[in-house]
C-alpha atoms as a PDB file:
ATOM      1  CA  MET A   1     -28.510  28.949 139.472  1.00  0.00           C
ATOM      2  CA  VAL A   2     -24.745  28.672 139.015  1.00  0.00           C
ATOM      3  CA  SER A   3     -23.359  27.328 135.741  1.00  0.00           C
ATOM      4  CA  ARG A   4     -19.992  25.650 135.808  1.00  0.00           C
ATOM      5  CA  ASN A   5     -17.324  26.813 133.411  1.00  0.00           C
ATOM      6  CA  ARG A   6     -15.987  23.542 132.056  1.00  0.00           C
ATOM      7  CA  THR A   7     -12.279  23.318 131.285  1.00  0.00           C
ATOM      8  CA  PRO A   8     -11.533  22.303 127.680  1.00  0.00           C
ATOM      9  CA  SER A   9      -9.965  18.839 127.485  1.00  0.00           C
ATOM     10  CA  SER A  10      -6.942  20.237 125.634  1.00  0.00           C
ATOM     11  CA  TYR A  11      -6.040  22.396 128.652  1.00  0.00           C
ATOM     12  CA  ILE A  12      -6.569  19.487 131.033  1.00  0.00           C
ATOM     13  CA  GLY A  13      -4.275  17.335 128.901  1.00  0.00           C
ATOM     14  CA  TYR A  14      -1.628  20.034 128.821  1.00  0.00           C
ATOM     15  CA  GLY A  15      -1.890  20.500 132.574  1.00  0.00           C
ATOM     16  CA  LEU A  16      -1.406  16.771 133.179  1.00  0.00           C
ATOM     17  CA  TYR A  17       1.539  16.767 130.794  1.00  0.00           C
ATOM     18  CA  LEU A  18       3.197  19.618 132.722  1.00  0.00           C
ATOM     19  CA  TYR A  19       2.578  17.927 136.054  1.00  0.00           C
ATOM     20  CA  PHE A  20       4.037  14.585 135.046  1.00  0.00           C
ATOM     21  CA  SER A  21       6.960  16.352 133.411  1.00  0.00           C
ATOM     22  CA  GLY A  22       8.008  17.403 136.901  1.00  0.00           C
ATOM     23  CA  LEU A  23       6.190  20.641 137.746  1.00  0.00           C
ATOM     24  CA  SER A  24       4.360  21.071 141.045  1.00  0.00           C
ATOM     25  CA  LEU A  25       0.607  21.587 141.097  1.00  0.00           C
ATOM     26  CA  ARG A  26       1.062  25.294 141.759  1.00  0.00           C
ATOM     27  CA  ARG A  27       3.587  25.647 138.938  1.00  0.00           C
ATOM     28  CA  VAL A  28       1.173  23.940 136.542  1.00  0.00           C
ATOM     29  CA  SER A  29      -1.534  26.389 137.588  1.00  0.00           C
ATOM     30  CA  GLU A  30       0.832  29.296 136.914  1.00  0.00           C
ATOM     31  CA  ARG A  31       1.799  27.970 133.465  1.00  0.00           C
ATOM     32  CA  LEU A  32      -1.848  27.501 132.504  1.00  0.00           C
ATOM     33  CA  SER A  33      -2.776  31.016 133.615  1.00  0.00           C
ATOM     34  CA  CYS A  34      -1.804  32.486 130.244  1.00  0.00           C
ATOM     35  CA  PHE A  35      -4.566  30.348 128.672  1.00  0.00           C
ATOM     36  CA  ILE A  36      -7.086  29.768 131.440  1.00  0.00           C
ATOM     37  CA  LYS A  37      -7.373  30.545 135.145  1.00  0.00           C
ATOM     38  CA  ARG A  38      -7.374  27.371 137.232  1.00  0.00           C
ATOM     39  CA  ASN A  39      -5.865  26.893 140.689  1.00  0.00           C
ATOM     40  CA  HIS A  40      -3.744  23.978 141.908  1.00  0.00           C
ATOM     41  CA  VAL A  41      -6.804  22.340 143.494  1.00  0.00           C
ATOM     42  CA  SER A  42      -8.376  22.086 140.048  1.00  0.00           C
ATOM     43  CA  VAL A  43      -5.238  20.418 138.689  1.00  0.00           C
ATOM     44  CA  TRP A  44      -5.323  17.869 141.519  1.00  0.00           C
ATOM     45  CA  ASN A  45      -8.986  17.158 140.765  1.00  0.00           C
ATOM     46  CA  TRP A  46      -8.127  16.527 137.111  1.00  0.00           C
ATOM     47  CA  ILE A  47      -5.600  13.915 138.217  1.00  0.00           C
ATOM     48  CA  GLN A  48      -8.161  12.191 140.428  1.00  0.00           C
ATOM     49  CA  LYS A  49     -10.918  12.207 137.796  1.00  0.00           C
ATOM     50  CA  TYR A  50      -8.783  11.170 134.829  1.00  0.00           C
ATOM     51  CA  LYS A  51      -9.480   7.595 133.737  1.00  0.00           C
ATOM     52  CA  PRO A  52      -6.525   6.216 131.801  1.00  0.00           C
ATOM     53  CA  LYS A  53      -6.860   3.082 129.768  1.00  0.00           C
ATOM     54  CA  ARG A  54      -5.779  -0.136 131.415  1.00  0.00           C
ATOM     55  CA  ILE A  55      -2.049   0.044 131.970  1.00  0.00           C
ATOM     56  CA  PHE A  56      -1.758  -3.567 130.863  1.00  0.00           C
ATOM     57  CA  SER A  57      -1.570  -4.434 127.203  1.00  0.00           C
ATOM     58  CA  ARG A  58      -0.819  -7.710 125.563  1.00  0.00           C
ATOM     59  CA  ARG A  59       2.747  -7.692 124.338  1.00  0.00           C
ATOM     60  CA  LYS A  60       3.987 -10.272 121.884  1.00  0.00           C
ATOM     61  CA  LYS A  61       7.545 -10.220 123.147  1.00  0.00           C
ATOM     62  CA  ILE A  62       8.072 -10.214 126.884  1.00  0.00           C
ATOM     63  CA  SER A  63      11.170 -12.114 127.897  1.00  0.00           C
ATOM     64  CA  GLU A  64      10.592 -11.779 131.641  1.00  0.00           C
ATOM     65  CA  PHE A  65       9.051  -9.774 134.460  1.00  0.00           C
ATOM     66  CA  ILE A  66      11.506  -7.667 136.467  1.00  0.00           C
ATOM     67  CA  ILE A  67       9.889  -7.031 139.853  1.00  0.00           C
ATOM     68  CA  ASP A  68      10.740  -5.151 143.017  1.00  0.00           C
ATOM     69  CA  GLU A  69       9.001  -3.348 145.860  1.00  0.00           C
ATOM     70  CA  THR A  70       9.701  -0.208 147.861  1.00  0.00           C
ATOM     71  CA  LEU A  71       8.146   1.904 150.599  1.00  0.00           C
ATOM     72  CA  ILE A  72       6.357   5.144 149.762  1.00  0.00           C
ATOM     73  CA  LYS A  73       4.535   7.572 152.020  1.00  0.00           C
ATOM     74  CA  ALA A  74       0.794   8.109 151.613  1.00  0.00           C
ATOM     75  CA  GLY A  75      -0.383  10.755 154.030  1.00  0.00           C
ATOM     76  CA  SER A  76       0.927   9.790 157.437  1.00  0.00           C
ATOM     77  CA  GLU A  77       1.583   6.120 156.713  1.00  0.00           C
ATOM     78  CA  LEU A  78       4.057   4.059 154.744  1.00  0.00           C
ATOM     79  CA  VAL A  79       2.788   1.576 152.161  1.00  0.00           C
ATOM     80  CA  TRP A  80       4.507  -0.907 149.873  1.00  0.00           C
ATOM     81  CA  LEU A  81       4.681  -0.098 146.185  1.00  0.00           C
ATOM     82  CA  TRP A  82       5.105  -3.147 143.901  1.00  0.00           C
ATOM     83  CA  VAL A  83       6.592  -2.527 140.456  1.00  0.00           C
ATOM     84  CA  ALA A  84       6.931  -4.786 137.416  1.00  0.00           C
ATOM     85  CA  ILE A  85       8.687  -3.828 134.186  1.00  0.00           C
ATOM     86  CA  GLU A  86       9.816  -5.637 131.061  1.00  0.00           C
ATOM     87  CA  PRO A  87      13.474  -5.283 130.031  1.00  0.00           C
ATOM     88  CA  LYS A  88      13.250  -4.672 126.280  1.00  0.00           C
ATOM     89  CA  ASN A  89      11.020  -1.580 126.072  1.00  0.00           C
ATOM     90  CA  ARG A  90      11.348  -0.823 129.815  1.00  0.00           C
ATOM     91  CA  GLN A  91       7.657  -0.116 130.081  1.00  0.00           C
ATOM     92  CA  ILE A  92       5.909  -0.469 133.414  1.00  0.00           C
ATOM     93  CA  LEU A  93       3.679  -3.538 133.260  1.00  0.00           C
ATOM     94  CA  SER A  94       2.016  -3.094 136.611  1.00  0.00           C
ATOM     95  CA  LEU A  95       2.016  -1.081 139.828  1.00  0.00           C
ATOM     96  CA  ALA A  96       0.238  -2.084 143.026  1.00  0.00           C
ATOM     97  CA  ILE A  97       0.198  -0.911 146.629  1.00  0.00           C
ATOM     98  CA  SER A  98      -0.299  -2.848 149.832  1.00  0.00           C
ATOM     99  CA  LYS A  99      -0.001  -2.284 153.545  1.00  0.00           C
ATOM    100  CA  GLU A 100       1.876  -5.560 153.986  1.00  0.00           C
ATOM    101  CA  ARG A 101       4.768  -7.308 152.267  1.00  0.00           C
ATOM    102  CA  ASN A 102       4.621 -11.091 152.233  1.00  0.00           C
ATOM    103  CA  MET A 103       4.280 -14.136 149.994  1.00  0.00           C
ATOM    104  CA  PHE A 104       0.503 -13.754 149.631  1.00  0.00           C
ATOM    105  CA  VAL A 105       0.761 -10.171 148.386  1.00  0.00           C
ATOM    106  CA  ALA A 106       3.622 -11.125 146.031  1.00  0.00           C
ATOM    107  CA  GLU A 107       1.608 -14.063 144.687  1.00  0.00           C
ATOM    108  CA  ARG A 108      -1.415 -11.848 144.050  1.00  0.00           C
ATOM    109  CA  PHE A 109       0.726  -9.268 142.242  1.00  0.00           C
ATOM    110  CA  ILE A 110       2.502 -11.815 140.020  1.00  0.00           C
ATOM    111  CA  SER A 111      -0.766 -13.669 139.372  1.00  0.00           C
ATOM    112  CA  GLY A 112      -2.263 -10.439 138.012  1.00  0.00           C
ATOM    113  CA  LEU A 113       0.684 -10.089 135.630  1.00  0.00           C
ATOM    114  CA  VAL A 114       0.320 -13.663 134.413  1.00  0.00           C
ATOM    115  CA  LYS A 115      -3.407 -13.220 133.831  1.00  0.00           C
ATOM    116  CA  ILE A 116      -2.784 -10.370 131.384  1.00  0.00           C
ATOM    117  CA  CYS A 117       0.657 -11.082 129.910  1.00  0.00           C
ATOM    118  CA  GLY A 118       0.998 -14.851 130.237  1.00  0.00           C
ATOM    119  CA  LYS A 119       3.652 -16.815 132.118  1.00  0.00           C
ATOM    120  CA  HIS A 120       7.212 -15.525 131.949  1.00  0.00           C
ATOM    121  CA  PRO A 121      10.309 -15.929 134.144  1.00  0.00           C
ATOM    122  CA  VAL A 122      10.430 -13.591 137.132  1.00  0.00           C
ATOM    123  CA  SER A 123      13.538 -11.651 138.133  1.00  0.00           C
ATOM    124  CA  THR A 124      13.647 -10.235 141.683  1.00  0.00           C
ATOM    125  CA  ASP A 125      15.989  -9.351 144.510  1.00  0.00           C
ATOM    126  CA  GLY A 126      16.630 -11.720 147.401  1.00  0.00           C
ATOM    127  CA  GLY A 127      13.261 -11.332 149.109  1.00  0.00           C
ATOM    128  CA  THR A 128      12.098 -14.760 150.266  1.00  0.00           C
ATOM    129  CA  TRP A 129       8.465 -14.003 149.408  1.00  0.00           C
ATOM    130  CA  TYR A 130       9.225 -14.035 145.677  1.00  0.00           C
ATOM    131  CA  PRO A 131      10.522 -17.595 145.179  1.00  0.00           C
ATOM    132  CA  GLN A 132       7.713 -18.824 147.425  1.00  0.00           C
ATOM    133  CA  ALA A 133       5.107 -17.044 145.303  1.00  0.00           C
ATOM    134  CA  CYS A 134       6.707 -18.208 142.032  1.00  0.00           C
ATOM    135  CA  GLY A 135       6.859 -21.766 143.306  1.00  0.00           C
ATOM    136  CA  PHE A 136       3.154 -21.687 144.106  1.00  0.00           C
ATOM    137  CA  LEU A 137       2.398 -20.307 140.614  1.00  0.00           C
ATOM    138  CA  LYS A 138       4.846 -22.716 138.921  1.00  0.00           C
ATOM    139  CA  ILE A 139       6.880 -19.874 137.398  1.00  0.00           C
ATOM    140  CA  THR A 140      10.659 -19.797 136.911  1.00  0.00           C
ATOM    141  CA  HIS A 141      12.382 -17.414 139.308  1.00  0.00           C
ATOM    142  CA  HIS A 142      15.913 -15.996 139.407  1.00  0.00           C
ATOM    143  CA  ILE A 143      17.815 -13.239 141.199  1.00  0.00           C
ATOM    144  CA  HIS A 144      18.449  -9.963 139.361  1.00  0.00           C
ATOM    145  CA  SER A 145      21.465  -9.753 137.106  1.00  0.00           C
ATOM    146  CA  PRO A 146      23.406  -6.449 137.404  1.00  0.00           C
ATOM    147  CA  LEU A 147      21.537  -5.122 134.344  1.00  0.00           C
ATOM    148  CA  GLU A 148      18.127  -6.171 135.642  1.00  0.00           C
ATOM    149  CA  LYS A 149      18.887  -4.636 139.022  1.00  0.00           C
ATOM    150  CA  SER A 150      19.922  -1.378 137.369  1.00  0.00           C
ATOM    151  CA  LEU A 151      16.757  -1.235 135.226  1.00  0.00           C
ATOM    152  CA  ILE A 152      14.325  -1.793 138.089  1.00  0.00           C
ATOM    153  CA  GLU A 153      16.176   0.510 140.480  1.00  0.00           C
ATOM    154  CA  ARG A 154      16.167   3.342 137.950  1.00  0.00           C
ATOM    155  CA  THR A 155      12.449   2.856 137.335  1.00  0.00           C
ATOM    156  CA  ILE A 156      11.657   2.846 141.044  1.00  0.00           C
ATOM    157  CA  GLN A 157      13.745   5.942 141.663  1.00  0.00           C
ATOM    158  CA  TYR A 158      11.952   7.678 138.812  1.00  0.00           C
ATOM    159  CA  ILE A 159       8.591   6.802 140.381  1.00  0.00           C
ATOM    160  CA  LYS A 160       9.705   7.861 143.859  1.00  0.00           C
ATOM    161  CA  ASP A 161      10.953  11.206 142.560  1.00  0.00           C
ATOM    162  CA  ARG A 162       7.310  11.963 141.741  1.00  0.00           C
ATOM    163  CA  THR A 163       5.518  10.159 144.588  1.00  0.00           C
ATOM    164  CA  GLU A 164       7.574  12.059 147.162  1.00  0.00           C
ATOM    165  CA  CYS A 165       5.571  15.192 146.354  1.00  0.00           C
ATOM    166  CA  PHE A 166       2.231  13.971 144.967  1.00  0.00           C
ATOM    167  CA  ASP A 167       0.457  14.040 148.358  1.00  0.00           C
ATOM    168  CA  ASP A 168       1.984  17.242 149.740  1.00  0.00           C
ATOM    169  CA  TYR A 169      -0.962  19.487 149.003  1.00  0.00           C
ATOM    170  CA  PHE A 170      -3.704  17.032 149.864  1.00  0.00           C
ATOM    171  CA  PRO A 171      -2.375  14.597 152.480  1.00  0.00           C
ATOM    172  CA  CYS A 172      -4.616  11.700 153.320  1.00  0.00           C
ATOM    173  CA  ARG A 173      -6.058  12.168 156.810  1.00  0.00           C
ATOM    174  CA  LEU A 174      -8.642   9.415 156.735  1.00  0.00           C
ATOM    175  CA  LYS A 175      -8.348   6.489 159.118  1.00  0.00           C
ATOM    176  CA  ASN A 176      -8.344   3.132 157.351  1.00  0.00           C
ATOM    177  CA  CYS A 177      -8.103   4.913 153.988  1.00  0.00           C
ATOM    178  CA  THR A 178      -8.560   2.623 150.978  1.00  0.00           C
ATOM    179  CA  LEU A 179      -5.801   4.626 149.209  1.00  0.00           C
ATOM    180  CA  LYS A 180      -7.976   5.015 146.126  1.00  0.00           C
ATOM    181  CA  HIS A 181      -6.457   8.450 145.478  1.00  0.00           C
ATOM    182  CA  VAL A 182      -2.983   6.858 145.440  1.00  0.00           C
ATOM    183  CA  ARG A 183      -4.086   4.185 142.958  1.00  0.00           C
ATOM    184  CA  ASN A 184      -5.650   6.848 140.725  1.00  0.00           C
ATOM    185  CA  TRP A 185      -2.394   8.787 140.738  1.00  0.00           C
ATOM    186  CA  LEU A 186      -0.293   5.702 140.000  1.00  0.00           C
ATOM    187  CA  ASN A 187      -2.526   4.619 137.096  1.00  0.00           C
ATOM    188  CA  LEU A 188      -2.241   8.048 135.532  1.00  0.00           C
ATOM    189  CA  PHE A 189       1.510   8.108 136.099  1.00  0.00           C
ATOM    190  CA  VAL A 190       2.002   4.766 134.337  1.00  0.00           C
ATOM    191  CA  ASP A 191      -0.260   5.795 131.474  1.00  0.00           C
ATOM    192  CA  TYR A 192       1.832   8.918 130.951  1.00  0.00           C
ATOM    193  CA  HIS A 193       5.163   7.114 131.413  1.00  0.00           C
ATOM    194  CA  ASN A 194       4.452   4.357 128.885  1.00  0.00           C
ATOM    195  CA  LYS A 195       3.090   6.793 126.287  1.00  0.00           C
ATOM    196  CA  GLU A 196       6.222   8.891 126.650  1.00  0.00           C
ATOM    197  CA  LEU A 197       8.409   5.824 126.048  1.00  0.00           C
ATOM    198  CA  LYS A 198       6.508   5.071 122.837  1.00  0.00           C
ATOM    199  CA  THR A 199       7.024   8.596 121.519  1.00  0.00           C
ATOM    200  CA  LEU A 200      10.788   8.303 122.093  1.00  0.00           C
ATOM    201  CA  LYS A 201      11.094   5.314 119.766  1.00  0.00           C
END
């Protein structure tokens, strides 16, 4: 009978902190080696098993939703990443992925925001799917101001800097993958990102 040597939660937390601070999985494994021996596969498994709290939280003061979408690579395919932030605290309100980009996907994404945070004006780029979705939901829509554009672009670039390498070690090879591993990673990323913003205040 083989007994598993469980990793203390403090080491798991430190490993996740190192990873989302910018280190690769292998680098995290190396840094942890002075405390405990765990390989990069173990670190990846921690990411997949970690269950962050819901990334949504009711906020008393949200002036608007700043929304945009971008392509990211998951395994061998490209998928759309939808991002929503709020301008005051610059926290990420929601992330979602889809294999298509159209009015129905945009409406579903914005509807999820409204369900948790209430109705607020929506700021987007010139994509035609956004005003169509906002019209259906009876929400005010406007095109990004220079500041709003800068805020969402910086957030997306920050996310892409990490997503460009998150699947390198364990690329998805499944046909018709549900992308659950991508959603797990994104939820953990947002949980870490928003907690970091709070500590900076």
